[in-house]
PDB file of N, CA and C in Angstrom:
ATOM      1  N   MET A   1      -1.017   8.190   2.903  1.00  0.00           N
ATOM      2  CA  MET A   1      -2.000   7.452   2.240  1.00  0.00           C
ATOM      3  C   MET A   1      -1.776   5.892   2.614  1.00  0.00           C
ATOM      4  N   VAL A   2      -2.673   5.121   2.831  1.00  0.00           N
ATOM      5  CA  VAL A   2      -2.674   3.995   3.011  1.00  0.00           C
ATOM      6  C   VAL A   2      -3.935   3.357   2.335  1.00  0.00           C
ATOM      7  N   SER A   3      -3.800   2.243   1.469  1.00  0.00           N
ATOM      8  CA  SER A   3      -4.827   1.660   0.822  1.00  0.00           C
ATOM      9  C   SER A   3      -5.965   0.710   1.689  1.00  0.00           C
ATOM     10  N   SER A   4      -6.956   0.727   1.347  1.00  0.00           N
ATOM     11  CA  SER A   4      -7.920  -0.304   2.311  1.00  0.00           C
ATOM     12  C   SER A   4      -7.209  -1.479   2.078  1.00  0.00           C
ATOM     13  N   ARG A   5      -6.576  -2.133   1.188  1.00  0.00           N
ATOM     14  CA  ARG A   5      -5.951  -3.429   1.409  1.00  0.00           C
ATOM     15  C   ARG A   5      -4.822  -3.517   2.250  1.00  0.00           C
ATOM     16  N   MET A   6      -4.075  -2.265   2.388  1.00  0.00           N
ATOM     17  CA  MET A   6      -2.927  -2.374   3.244  1.00  0.00           C
ATOM     18  C   MET A   6      -3.456  -2.445   4.715  1.00  0.00           C
ATOM     19  N   LEU A   7      -4.713  -1.653   4.894  1.00  0.00           N
ATOM     20  CA  LEU A   7      -5.404  -1.704   6.379  1.00  0.00           C
ATOM     21  C   LEU A   7      -5.912  -3.109   6.527  1.00  0.00           C
ATOM     22  N   LEU A   8      -6.280  -4.022   5.577  1.00  0.00           N
ATOM     23  CA  LEU A   8      -6.756  -5.384   6.073  1.00  0.00           C
ATOM     24  C   LEU A   8      -5.576  -6.015   6.174  1.00  0.00           C
ATOM     25  N   PHE A   9      -4.308  -6.018   5.550  1.00  0.00           N
ATOM     26  CA  PHE A   9      -3.218  -6.702   5.808  1.00  0.00           C
ATOM     27  C   PHE A   9      -2.622  -6.358   7.149  1.00  0.00           C
ATOM     28  N   LEU A  10      -2.730  -5.031   7.567  1.00  0.00           N
ATOM     29  CA  LEU A  10      -2.217  -4.801   8.731  1.00  0.00           C
ATOM     30  C   LEU A  10      -3.038  -5.446  10.074  1.00  0.00           C
ATOM     31  N   HIS A  11      -4.223  -5.370   9.722  1.00  0.00           N
ATOM     32  CA  HIS A  11      -5.228  -5.814  10.726  1.00  0.00           C
ATOM     33  C   HIS A  11      -4.905  -7.418  10.825  1.00  0.00           C
ATOM     34  N   LEU A  12      -4.766  -8.265   9.771  1.00  0.00           N
ATOM     35  CA  LEU A  12      -4.454  -9.430   9.977  1.00  0.00           C
ATOM     36  C   LEU A  12      -3.061  -9.755  10.644  1.00  0.00           C
ATOM     37  N   LEU A  13      -2.180  -8.733  10.251  1.00  0.00           N
ATOM     38  CA  LEU A  13      -0.789  -8.885  10.852  1.00  0.00           C
ATOM     39  C   LEU A  13      -0.913  -8.720  12.362  1.00  0.00           C
ATOM     40  N   PHE A  14      -1.800  -7.546  12.797  1.00  0.00           N
ATOM     41  CA  PHE A  14      -1.684  -7.180  14.183  1.00  0.00           C
ATOM     42  C   PHE A  14      -2.449  -8.344  15.060  1.00  0.00           C
ATOM     43  N   SER A  15      -3.523  -8.869  14.416  1.00  0.00           N
ATOM     44  CA  SER A  15      -4.101  -9.942  14.978  1.00  0.00           C
ATOM     45  C   SER A  15      -3.425 -11.127  15.315  1.00  0.00           C
ATOM     46  N   SER A  16      -2.433 -11.601  14.294  1.00  0.00           N
ATOM     47  CA  SER A  16      -1.566 -12.560  14.495  1.00  0.00           C
ATOM     48  C   SER A  16      -0.376 -12.307  15.424  1.00  0.00           C
ATOM     49  N   MET A  17      -0.068 -11.263  15.720  1.00  0.00           N
ATOM     50  CA  MET A  17       1.047 -11.056  16.606  1.00  0.00           C
ATOM     51  C   MET A  17       0.784 -10.532  17.881  1.00  0.00           C
ATOM     52  N   SER A  18      -0.318 -10.005  18.274  1.00  0.00           N
ATOM     53  CA  SER A  18      -0.618  -9.364  19.597  1.00  0.00           C
ATOM     54  C   SER A  18      -1.866  -9.861  20.018  1.00  0.00           C
ATOM     55  N   SER A  19      -1.808  -9.935  21.520  1.00  0.00           N
ATOM     56  CA  SER A  19      -2.989 -10.252  22.225  1.00  0.00           C
ATOM     57  C   SER A  19      -3.776  -8.954  22.469  1.00  0.00           C
ATOM     58  N   SER A  20      -3.384  -7.782  22.121  1.00  0.00           N
ATOM     59  CA  SER A  20      -4.210  -6.539  22.416  1.00  0.00           C
ATOM     60  C   SER A  20      -5.178  -6.560  21.187  1.00  0.00           C
ATOM     61  N   SER A  21      -5.987  -5.488  21.294  1.00  0.00           N
ATOM     62  CA  SER A  21      -6.849  -5.313  20.209  1.00  0.00           C
ATOM     63  C   SER A  21      -6.348  -4.882  18.953  1.00  0.00           C
ATOM     64  N   SER A  22      -6.628  -5.470  17.805  1.00  0.00           N
ATOM     65  CA  SER A  22      -6.130  -5.284  16.466  1.00  0.00           C
ATOM     66  C   SER A  22      -6.877  -3.716  16.059  1.00  0.00           C
ATOM     67  N   ARG A  23      -7.908  -3.728  16.501  1.00  0.00           N
ATOM     68  CA  ARG A  23      -8.562  -2.374  16.255  1.00  0.00           C
ATOM     69  C   ARG A  23      -7.902  -1.096  17.077  1.00  0.00           C
ATOM     70  N   GLU A  24      -7.330  -1.292  18.136  1.00  0.00           N
ATOM     71  CA  GLU A  24      -6.531  -0.278  18.674  1.00  0.00           C
ATOM     72  C   GLU A  24      -5.296  -0.231  17.975  1.00  0.00           C
ATOM     73  N   ASP A  25      -4.667  -1.124  17.581  1.00  0.00           N
ATOM     74  CA  ASP A  25      -3.400  -1.149  16.671  1.00  0.00           C
ATOM     75  C   ASP A  25      -3.498  -0.245  15.431  1.00  0.00           C
ATOM     76  N   ILE A  26      -4.681  -0.708  14.863  1.00  0.00           N
ATOM     77  CA  ILE A  26      -4.952  -0.265  13.557  1.00  0.00           C
ATOM     78  C   ILE A  26      -5.327   1.737  13.829  1.00  0.00           C
ATOM     79  N   GLU A  27      -6.180   1.860  14.876  1.00  0.00           N
ATOM     80  CA  GLU A  27      -6.412   3.302  15.071  1.00  0.00           C
ATOM     81  C   GLU A  27      -5.038   4.066  15.413  1.00  0.00           C
ATOM     82  N   SER A  28      -4.143   3.460  16.251  1.00  0.00           N
ATOM     83  CA  SER A  28      -2.922   3.933  16.392  1.00  0.00           C
ATOM     84  C   SER A  28      -2.273   4.193  15.228  1.00  0.00           C
ATOM     85  N   PHE A  29      -2.154   3.494  14.360  1.00  0.00           N
ATOM     86  CA  PHE A  29      -1.406   3.538  13.083  1.00  0.00           C
ATOM     87  C   PHE A  29      -2.074   4.612  12.420  1.00  0.00           C
ATOM     88  N   MET A  30      -3.373   4.665  12.308  1.00  0.00           N
ATOM     89  CA  MET A  30      -3.931   5.798  11.459  1.00  0.00           C
ATOM     90  C   MET A  30      -3.747   7.319  12.162  1.00  0.00           C
ATOM     91  N   ARG A  31      -3.445   7.387  13.414  1.00  0.00           N
ATOM     92  CA  ARG A  31      -3.238   8.499  13.968  1.00  0.00           C
ATOM     93  C   ARG A  31      -1.781   9.395  13.424  1.00  0.00           C
ATOM     94  N   ILE A  32      -1.085   8.594  12.914  1.00  0.00           N
ATOM     95  CA  ILE A  32       0.256   8.981  12.288  1.00  0.00           C
ATOM     96  C   ILE A  32      -0.050   9.982  11.325  1.00  0.00           C
ATOM     97  N   CYS A  33       0.813  11.210  11.455  1.00  0.00           N
ATOM     98  CA  CYS A  33       0.503  12.277  10.672  1.00  0.00           C
ATOM     99  C   CYS A  33       0.340  11.887   9.029  1.00  0.00           C
ATOM    100  N   ASN A  34      -0.389  12.674   8.437  1.00  0.00           N
ATOM    101  CA  ASN A  34      -0.437  12.358   6.933  1.00  0.00           C
ATOM    102  C   ASN A  34      -0.850  11.340   6.601  1.00  0.00           C
ATOM    103  N   ILE A  35      -1.480  10.210   7.335  1.00  0.00           N
ATOM    104  CA  ILE A  35      -2.036   8.902   6.785  1.00  0.00           C
ATOM    105  C   ILE A  35      -3.465   8.997   6.671  1.00  0.00           C
ATOM    106  N   HIS A  36      -3.955   8.876   5.468  1.00  0.00           N
ATOM    107  CA  HIS A  36      -5.581   8.528   5.366  1.00  0.00           C
ATOM    108  C   HIS A  36      -5.681   7.528   4.288  1.00  0.00           C
ATOM    109  N   GLU A  37      -6.741   6.950   4.385  1.00  0.00           N
ATOM    110  CA  GLU A  37      -7.112   5.708   3.651  1.00  0.00           C
ATOM    111  C   GLU A  37      -7.602   6.037   2.424  1.00  0.00           C
ATOM    112  N   VAL A  38      -7.092   5.486   1.277  1.00  0.00           N
ATOM    113  CA  VAL A  38      -7.641   5.590   0.036  1.00  0.00           C
ATOM    114  C   VAL A  38      -8.498   4.272  -0.398  1.00  0.00           C
ATOM    115  N   PRO A  39      -9.717   4.423  -0.687  1.00  0.00           N
ATOM    116  CA  PRO A  39     -10.530   3.388  -0.862  1.00  0.00           C
ATOM    117  C   PRO A  39     -10.253   2.588  -2.378  1.00  0.00           C
ATOM    118  N   LEU A  40     -10.670   1.588  -2.344  1.00  0.00           N
ATOM    119  CA  LEU A  40     -10.460   0.600  -3.539  1.00  0.00           C
ATOM    120  C   LEU A  40     -11.680   0.989  -4.570  1.00  0.00           C
ATOM    121  N   SER A  41     -11.363   1.358  -5.647  1.00  0.00           N
ATOM    122  CA  SER A  41     -12.497   1.918  -6.690  1.00  0.00           C
ATOM    123  C   SER A  41     -12.205   1.233  -7.985  1.00  0.00           C
ATOM    124  N   HIS A  42     -13.258   1.540  -8.860  1.00  0.00           N
ATOM    125  CA  HIS A  42     -13.271   0.742 -10.295  1.00  0.00           C
ATOM    126  C   HIS A  42     -11.859   1.263 -11.033  1.00  0.00           C
ATOM    127  N   GLU A  43     -11.531   2.549 -10.775  1.00  0.00           N
ATOM    128  CA  GLU A  43     -10.430   3.226 -11.408  1.00  0.00           C
ATOM    129  C   GLU A  43      -8.771   2.731 -10.827  1.00  0.00           C
ATOM    130  N   VAL A  44      -9.135   2.428  -9.613  1.00  0.00           N
ATOM    131  CA  VAL A  44      -7.797   1.570  -9.067  1.00  0.00           C
ATOM    132  C   VAL A  44      -7.736   0.292  -9.561  1.00  0.00           C
ATOM    133  N   LEU A  45      -8.778  -0.463  -9.908  1.00  0.00           N
ATOM    134  CA  LEU A  45      -8.903  -1.939 -10.464  1.00  0.00           C
ATOM    135  C   LEU A  45      -8.400  -2.007 -11.846  1.00  0.00           C
ATOM    136  N   THR A  46      -8.960  -1.040 -12.451  1.00  0.00           N
ATOM    137  CA  THR A  46      -8.649  -0.705 -13.895  1.00  0.00           C
ATOM    138  C   THR A  46      -7.217  -0.610 -14.244  1.00  0.00           C
ATOM    139  N   ARG A  47      -6.619   0.330 -13.407  1.00  0.00           N
ATOM    140  CA  ARG A  47      -5.177   0.676 -13.499  1.00  0.00           C
ATOM    141  C   ARG A  47      -4.359  -0.455 -13.050  1.00  0.00           C
ATOM    142  N   ALA A  48      -4.714  -0.988 -11.974  1.00  0.00           N
ATOM    143  CA  ALA A  48      -3.926  -2.228 -11.563  1.00  0.00           C
ATOM    144  C   ALA A  48      -3.922  -3.235 -12.644  1.00  0.00           C
ATOM    145  N   SER A  49      -4.955  -3.559 -13.232  1.00  0.00           N
ATOM    146  CA  SER A  49      -5.078  -4.450 -14.366  1.00  0.00           C
ATOM    147  C   SER A  49      -3.769  -4.136 -15.476  1.00  0.00           C
ATOM    148  N   LEU A  50      -3.785  -3.027 -15.689  1.00  0.00           N
ATOM    149  CA  LEU A  50      -2.924  -2.462 -16.798  1.00  0.00           C
ATOM    150  C   LEU A  50      -1.438  -2.649 -16.250  1.00  0.00           C
ATOM    151  N   ILE A  51      -1.349  -2.173 -15.086  1.00  0.00           N
ATOM    152  CA  ILE A  51      -0.025  -2.301 -14.407  1.00  0.00           C
ATOM    153  C   ILE A  51       0.589  -3.718 -14.451  1.00  0.00           C
ATOM    154  N   ARG A  52      -0.270  -4.888 -13.869  1.00  0.00           N
ATOM    155  CA  ARG A  52      -0.140  -6.216 -13.965  1.00  0.00           C
ATOM    156  C   ARG A  52       0.437  -6.652 -15.447  1.00  0.00           C
ATOM    157  N   SER A  53      -0.339  -6.205 -16.205  1.00  0.00           N
ATOM    158  CA  SER A  53       0.251  -6.584 -17.668  1.00  0.00           C
ATOM    159  C   SER A  53       1.568  -5.966 -18.160  1.00  0.00           C
ATOM    160  N   LYS A  54       1.686  -4.710 -17.822  1.00  0.00           N
ATOM    161  CA  LYS A  54       2.895  -4.069 -18.337  1.00  0.00           C
ATOM    162  C   LYS A  54       4.118  -4.489 -17.566  1.00  0.00           C
ATOM    163  N   TYR A  55       3.929  -4.590 -16.084  1.00  0.00           N
ATOM    164  CA  TYR A  55       5.121  -4.662 -15.421  1.00  0.00           C
ATOM    165  C   TYR A  55       5.132  -6.045 -14.672  1.00  0.00           C
ATOM    166  N   GLY A  56       4.440  -6.760 -14.785  1.00  0.00           N
ATOM    167  CA  GLY A  56       4.293  -8.179 -14.344  1.00  0.00           C
ATOM    168  C   GLY A  56       4.255  -8.208 -12.684  1.00  0.00           C
ATOM    169  N   LEU A  57       3.658  -7.120 -12.060  1.00  0.00           N
ATOM    170  CA  LEU A  57       3.539  -7.165 -10.525  1.00  0.00           C
ATOM    171  C   LEU A  57       2.509  -8.057 -10.286  1.00  0.00           C
ATOM    172  N   SER A  58       2.439  -8.494  -8.974  1.00  0.00           N
ATOM    173  CA  SER A  58       1.277  -9.477  -8.320  1.00  0.00           C
ATOM    174  C   SER A  58      -0.011  -8.592  -8.248  1.00  0.00           C
ATOM    175  N   TYR A  59      -0.763  -9.229  -8.002  1.00  0.00           N
ATOM    176  CA  TYR A  59      -2.318  -8.589  -7.806  1.00  0.00           C
ATOM    177  C   TYR A  59      -2.251  -7.778  -6.738  1.00  0.00           C
ATOM    178  N   PHE A  60      -1.690  -7.865  -5.720  1.00  0.00           N
ATOM    179  CA  PHE A  60      -1.849  -6.975  -4.559  1.00  0.00           C
ATOM    180  C   PHE A  60      -0.769  -5.848  -4.641  1.00  0.00           C
ATOM    181  N   ASP A  61       0.279  -5.975  -5.236  1.00  0.00           N
ATOM    182  CA  ASP A  61       1.251  -4.997  -5.407  1.00  0.00           C
ATOM    183  C   ASP A  61       0.838  -4.083  -6.528  1.00  0.00           C
ATOM    184  N   SER A  62       0.081  -4.580  -7.446  1.00  0.00           N
ATOM    185  CA  SER A  62      -0.504  -3.821  -8.612  1.00  0.00           C
ATOM    186  C   SER A  62      -1.519  -2.869  -7.877  1.00  0.00           C
ATOM    187  N   LEU A  63      -2.237  -3.564  -7.101  1.00  0.00           N
ATOM    188  CA  LEU A  63      -3.277  -2.522  -6.367  1.00  0.00           C
ATOM    189  C   LEU A  63      -2.673  -1.364  -5.583  1.00  0.00           C
ATOM    190  N   HIS A  64      -1.649  -1.628  -4.937  1.00  0.00           N
ATOM    191  CA  HIS A  64      -0.923  -0.789  -4.002  1.00  0.00           C
ATOM    192  C   HIS A  64      -0.489   0.403  -5.078  1.00  0.00           C
ATOM    193  N   THR A  65       0.359  -0.115  -6.205  1.00  0.00           N
ATOM    194  CA  THR A  65       0.800   0.848  -7.227  1.00  0.00           C
ATOM    195  C   THR A  65      -0.174   1.674  -7.730  1.00  0.00           C
ATOM    196  N   ALA A  66      -1.440   1.024  -8.192  1.00  0.00           N
ATOM    197  CA  ALA A  66      -2.492   2.001  -8.930  1.00  0.00           C
ATOM    198  C   ALA A  66      -3.004   3.009  -7.950  1.00  0.00           C
ATOM    199  N   SER A  67      -3.082   2.674  -6.407  1.00  0.00           N
ATOM    200  CA  SER A  67      -3.588   3.505  -5.625  1.00  0.00           C
ATOM    201  C   SER A  67      -2.457   4.744  -5.387  1.00  0.00           C
ATOM    202  N   ALA A  68      -1.377   4.255  -5.303  1.00  0.00           N
ATOM    203  CA  ALA A  68      -0.219   5.585  -5.104  1.00  0.00           C
ATOM    204  C   ALA A  68      -0.182   6.321  -6.279  1.00  0.00           C
ATOM    205  N   LEU A  69      -0.173   5.943  -7.518  1.00  0.00           N
ATOM    206  CA  LEU A  69      -0.193   6.614  -8.584  1.00  0.00           C
ATOM    207  C   LEU A  69      -1.506   7.463  -8.954  1.00  0.00           C
ATOM    208  N   LEU A  70      -2.613   6.957  -8.484  1.00  0.00           N
ATOM    209  CA  LEU A  70      -4.018   7.656  -8.807  1.00  0.00           C
ATOM    210  C   LEU A  70      -4.054   8.729  -7.665  1.00  0.00           C
ATOM    211  N   HIS A  71      -3.400   8.685  -6.463  1.00  0.00           N
ATOM    212  CA  HIS A  71      -3.605   9.456  -5.348  1.00  0.00           C
ATOM    213  C   HIS A  71      -2.187  10.337  -4.827  1.00  0.00           C
ATOM    214  N   ASN A  72      -1.407  10.273  -5.993  1.00  0.00           N
ATOM    215  CA  ASN A  72       0.080  10.980  -5.697  1.00  0.00           C
ATOM    216  C   ASN A  72       0.968  10.442  -4.300  1.00  0.00           C
ATOM    217  N   GLY A  73       0.671   9.132  -4.263  1.00  0.00           N
ATOM    218  CA  GLY A  73       0.956   8.482  -2.883  1.00  0.00           C
ATOM    219  C   GLY A  73       2.774   7.953  -3.201  1.00  0.00           C
ATOM    220  N   VAL A  74       3.208   7.595  -2.043  1.00  0.00           N
ATOM    221  CA  VAL A  74       4.590   6.881  -2.286  1.00  0.00           C
ATOM    222  C   VAL A  74       4.455   5.458  -1.817  1.00  0.00           C
ATOM    223  N   ILE A  75       4.990   4.676  -2.504  1.00  0.00           N
ATOM    224  CA  ILE A  75       5.329   3.112  -1.959  1.00  0.00           C
ATOM    225  C   ILE A  75       6.663   3.262  -1.185  1.00  0.00           C
ATOM    226  N   ILE A  76       6.442   2.492   0.108  1.00  0.00           N
ATOM    227  CA  ILE A  76       7.702   2.330   0.914  1.00  0.00           C
ATOM    228  C   ILE A  76       7.836   1.075   1.053  1.00  0.00           C
ATOM    229  N   SER A  77       8.629   0.394   0.357  1.00  0.00           N
ATOM    230  CA  SER A  77       8.870  -1.138   0.322  1.00  0.00           C
ATOM    231  C   SER A  77      10.288  -1.497   0.132  1.00  0.00           C
ATOM    232  N   VAL A  78      10.530  -2.593   0.522  1.00  0.00           N
ATOM    233  CA  VAL A  78      11.916  -3.329   0.096  1.00  0.00           C
ATOM    234  C   VAL A  78      11.871  -4.083  -1.216  1.00  0.00           C
ATOM    235  N   ASP A  79      10.715  -4.051  -1.480  1.00  0.00           N
ATOM    236  CA  ASP A  79      10.464  -4.771  -2.883  1.00  0.00           C
ATOM    237  C   ASP A  79      11.024  -4.012  -4.092  1.00  0.00           C
ATOM    238  N   LYS A  80      11.962  -4.560  -5.039  1.00  0.00           N
ATOM    239  CA  LYS A  80      12.594  -3.762  -5.970  1.00  0.00           C
ATOM    240  C   LYS A  80      11.631  -3.754  -7.256  1.00  0.00           C
ATOM    241  N   GLY A  81      10.667  -4.580  -7.147  1.00  0.00           N
ATOM    242  CA  GLY A  81       9.636  -4.797  -8.409  1.00  0.00           C
ATOM    243  C   GLY A  81       8.994  -3.275  -8.411  1.00  0.00           C
ATOM    244  N   TYR A  82       8.699  -2.448  -7.561  1.00  0.00           N
ATOM    245  CA  TYR A  82       8.019  -1.064  -7.644  1.00  0.00           C
ATOM    246  C   TYR A  82       8.789  -0.112  -8.317  1.00  0.00           C
ATOM    247  N   ARG A  83      10.167  -0.369  -8.129  1.00  0.00           N
ATOM    248  CA  ARG A  83      10.980   0.621  -8.850  1.00  0.00           C
ATOM    249  C   ARG A  83      11.055   0.562 -10.341  1.00  0.00           C
ATOM    250  N   LYS A  84      10.497  -0.407 -10.924  1.00  0.00           N
ATOM    251  CA  LYS A  84      10.616  -0.443 -12.438  1.00  0.00           C
ATOM    252  C   LYS A  84       9.082   0.384 -13.003  1.00  0.00           C
ATOM    253  N   VAL A  85       8.373   0.519 -12.139  1.00  0.00           N
ATOM    254  CA  VAL A  85       7.084   1.303 -12.590  1.00  0.00           C
ATOM    255  C   VAL A  85       7.259   2.835 -12.852  1.00  0.00           C
ATOM    256  N   VAL A  86       7.240   3.210 -13.969  1.00  0.00           N
ATOM    257  CA  VAL A  86       7.307   4.439 -14.508  1.00  0.00           C
ATOM    258  C   VAL A  86       6.486   5.621 -13.813  1.00  0.00           C
ATOM    259  N   GLY A  87       6.917   6.541 -13.132  1.00  0.00           N
ATOM    260  CA  GLY A  87       6.062   7.566 -12.556  1.00  0.00           C
ATOM    261  C   GLY A  87       5.689   7.338 -11.016  1.00  0.00           C
ATOM    262  N   LEU A  88       6.086   5.975 -10.599  1.00  0.00           N
ATOM    263  CA  LEU A  88       5.862   5.572  -9.241  1.00  0.00           C
ATOM    264  C   LEU A  88       7.028   6.081  -8.314  1.00  0.00           C
ATOM    265  N   ARG A  89       6.690   6.882  -7.040  1.00  0.00           N
ATOM    266  CA  ARG A  89       7.873   7.160  -6.266  1.00  0.00           C
ATOM    267  C   ARG A  89       7.710   6.144  -5.306  1.00  0.00           C
ATOM    268  N   ALA A  90       8.878   5.380  -5.291  1.00  0.00           N
ATOM    269  CA  ALA A  90       9.051   4.253  -4.412  1.00  0.00           C
ATOM    270  C   ALA A  90      10.352   4.489  -3.437  1.00  0.00           C
ATOM    271  N   LEU A  91      10.242   4.093  -2.242  1.00  0.00           N
ATOM    272  CA  LEU A  91      11.524   4.512  -1.417  1.00  0.00           C
ATOM    273  C   LEU A  91      11.669   3.090  -0.571  1.00  0.00           C
ATOM    274  N   ASP A  92      12.871   2.662  -0.394  1.00  0.00           N
ATOM    275  CA  ASP A  92      13.350   1.745   0.449  1.00  0.00           C
ATOM    276  C   ASP A  92      13.366   2.282   1.786  1.00  0.00           C
ATOM    277  N   PRO A  93      12.677   1.535   2.771  1.00  0.00           N
ATOM    278  CA  PRO A  93      12.635   2.150   4.190  1.00  0.00           C
ATOM    279  C   PRO A  93      14.101   2.110   4.889  1.00  0.00           C
ATOM    280  N   ARG A  94      14.871   1.208   4.356  1.00  0.00           N
ATOM    281  CA  ARG A  94      16.327   1.241   4.898  1.00  0.00           C
ATOM    282  C   ARG A  94      16.987   2.407   4.491  1.00  0.00           C
ATOM    283  N   GLU A  95      16.632   3.167   3.492  1.00  0.00           N
ATOM    284  CA  GLU A  95      17.041   4.511   3.209  1.00  0.00           C
ATOM    285  C   GLU A  95      16.809   5.684   3.957  1.00  0.00           C
ATOM    286  N   LEU A  96      15.616   5.495   4.686  1.00  0.00           N
ATOM    287  CA  LEU A  96      15.209   6.703   5.409  1.00  0.00           C
ATOM    288  C   LEU A  96      15.525   6.739   6.765  1.00  0.00           C
ATOM    289  N   VAL A  97      16.535   5.873   7.290  1.00  0.00           N
ATOM    290  CA  VAL A  97      17.154   5.950   8.708  1.00  0.00           C
ATOM    291  C   VAL A  97      18.627   6.565   8.686  1.00  0.00           C
TER     292      VAL A  97
END
């Protein structure tokens, strides 16, 4: 699962780092097994607001967290802030290798 916000972030990142088409980079990324887009919804925005209030996460971190919680996703990040959210599955990518 990848949130719409993460796709925007990746598009901006790929655009700034590469002379190749960011569209091609995004399409390649989305071909990875088990990756699908989760749209931004009213439910995600509402849950994100509650998460910001309760855990003090940033606006975008709370959107990613809400998306993961509502869609049974996993956050893969070195940011330790995610680990304090009850019910969220968060993995450090350094532990995956």
